[in-house]
Amino acid sequence: MNGLDWAALVLVIIGGLNWGLVGAFNYDLVAAIFGEMSSITRIIYILVGLAALYMIYFATKAGQD
């Protein structure tokens, strides 16, 4: 795995844990740290979404090997 693969994996894990906290406890950790829909929070959400799309690509690429 290269650096982009690792970065995407970490972002997807962060996103998954955050959604778990939202679902279980109605607590958005990213918003709590960086502010409710601040610019940084929105950027993190966008990066997590892009990482998820990349992981879809990575999974299909890995399935072809």
C-alpha atoms as a PDB file:
ATOM      1  CA  MET A   1       0.000   0.000   0.000  1.00  0.00           C
ATOM      2  CA  ASN A   2       1.304   3.436  -0.885  1.00  0.00           C
ATOM      3  CA  GLY A   3       0.869   6.695   1.019  1.00  0.00           C
ATOM      4  CA  LEU A   4      -2.408   7.601  -0.677  1.00  0.00           C
ATOM      5  CA  ASP A   5      -3.867   4.193   0.179  1.00  0.00           C
ATOM      6  CA  TRP A   6      -2.911   4.619   3.847  1.00  0.00           C
ATOM      7  CA  ALA A   7      -4.251   8.177   4.027  1.00  0.00           C
ATOM      8  CA  ALA A   8      -7.563   7.081   2.496  1.00  0.00           C
ATOM      9  CA  LEU A   9      -7.788   4.141   4.896  1.00  0.00           C
ATOM     10  CA  VAL A  10      -7.176   6.362   7.928  1.00  0.00           C
ATOM     11  CA  LEU A  11      -9.773   8.899   6.765  1.00  0.00           C
ATOM     12  CA  VAL A  12     -12.360   6.168   6.163  1.00  0.00           C
ATOM     13  CA  ILE A  13     -11.696   4.743   9.636  1.00  0.00           C
ATOM     14  CA  ILE A  14     -12.067   8.205  11.198  1.00  0.00           C
ATOM     15  CA  GLY A  15     -15.316   8.703   9.289  1.00  0.00           C
ATOM     16  CA  GLY A  16     -16.623   5.307  10.306  1.00  0.00           C
ATOM     17  CA  LEU A  17     -15.832   5.875  13.974  1.00  0.00           C
ATOM     18  CA  ASN A  18     -17.433   9.315  13.841  1.00  0.00           C
ATOM     19  CA  TRP A  19     -20.609   7.889  12.278  1.00  0.00           C
ATOM     20  CA  GLY A  20     -20.617   5.187  14.957  1.00  0.00           C
ATOM     21  CA  LEU A  21     -20.524   7.877  17.642  1.00  0.00           C
ATOM     22  CA  VAL A  22     -23.307   9.804  15.897  1.00  0.00           C
ATOM     23  CA  GLY A  23     -25.479   6.700  15.651  1.00  0.00           C
ATOM     24  CA  ALA A  24     -24.853   5.365  19.146  1.00  0.00           C
ATOM     25  CA  PHE A  25     -24.615   8.554  21.188  1.00  0.00           C
ATOM     26  CA  ASN A  26     -25.736  11.384  18.881  1.00  0.00           C
ATOM     27  CA  TYR A  27     -22.222  12.859  19.310  1.00  0.00           C
ATOM     28  CA  ASP A  28     -20.321  14.259  16.333  1.00  0.00           C
ATOM     29  CA  LEU A  29     -16.669  14.223  17.400  1.00  0.00           C
ATOM     30  CA  VAL A  30     -15.405  16.092  14.323  1.00  0.00           C
ATOM     31  CA  ALA A  31     -17.886  18.916  14.906  1.00  0.00           C
ATOM     32  CA  ALA A  32     -17.069  18.940  18.617  1.00  0.00           C
ATOM     33  CA  ILE A  33     -13.355  19.382  17.905  1.00  0.00           C
ATOM     34  CA  PHE A  34     -13.459  21.792  14.954  1.00  0.00           C
ATOM     35  CA  GLY A  35     -16.837  23.521  15.358  1.00  0.00           C
ATOM     36  CA  GLU A  36     -20.293  22.903  13.981  1.00  0.00           C
ATOM     37  CA  MET A  37     -19.972  23.127  10.173  1.00  0.00           C
ATOM     38  CA  SER A  38     -16.868  25.299  10.288  1.00  0.00           C
ATOM     39  CA  SER A  39     -14.691  25.424   7.192  1.00  0.00           C
ATOM     40  CA  ILE A  40     -12.305  22.849   8.658  1.00  0.00           C
ATOM     41  CA  THR A  41     -15.157  20.520   9.595  1.00  0.00           C
ATOM     42  CA  ARG A  42     -16.566  20.714   6.074  1.00  0.00           C
ATOM     43  CA  ILE A  43     -13.121  20.026   4.587  1.00  0.00           C
ATOM     44  CA  ILE A  44     -12.718  16.961   6.818  1.00  0.00           C
ATOM     45  CA  TYR A  45     -16.144  15.660   5.772  1.00  0.00           C
ATOM     46  CA  ILE A  46     -15.266  16.215   2.102  1.00  0.00           C
ATOM     47  CA  LEU A  47     -11.910  14.442   2.523  1.00  0.00           C
ATOM     48  CA  VAL A  48     -13.606  11.492   4.239  1.00  0.00           C
ATOM     49  CA  GLY A  49     -16.099  11.260   1.366  1.00  0.00           C
ATOM     50  CA  LEU A  50     -13.322  11.395  -1.238  1.00  0.00           C
ATOM     51  CA  ALA A  51     -11.391   8.770   0.711  1.00  0.00           C
ATOM     52  CA  ALA A  52     -14.452   6.505   0.672  1.00  0.00           C
ATOM     53  CA  LEU A  53     -14.712   6.888  -3.103  1.00  0.00           C
ATOM     54  CA  TYR A  54     -11.012   6.108  -3.430  1.00  0.00           C
ATOM     55  CA  MET A  55     -11.410   3.019  -1.229  1.00  0.00           C
ATOM     56  CA  ILE A  56     -14.150   1.786  -3.575  1.00  0.00           C
ATOM     57  CA  TYR A  57     -11.667   2.155  -6.439  1.00  0.00           C
ATOM     58  CA  PHE A  58      -8.914   0.501  -4.367  1.00  0.00           C
ATOM     59  CA  ALA A  59     -11.169  -2.438  -3.463  1.00  0.00           C
ATOM     60  CA  THR A  60     -12.122  -3.059  -7.083  1.00  0.00           C
ATOM     61  CA  LYS A  61      -8.482  -2.724  -8.177  1.00  0.00           C
ATOM     62  CA  ALA A  62      -7.338  -5.138  -5.458  1.00  0.00           C
ATOM     63  CA  GLY A  63     -10.050  -7.618  -6.472  1.00  0.00           C
ATOM     64  CA  GLN A  64      -8.616  -7.824  -9.983  1.00  0.00           C
ATOM     65  CA  ASP A  65      -5.145  -8.914  -8.830  1.00  0.00           C
END
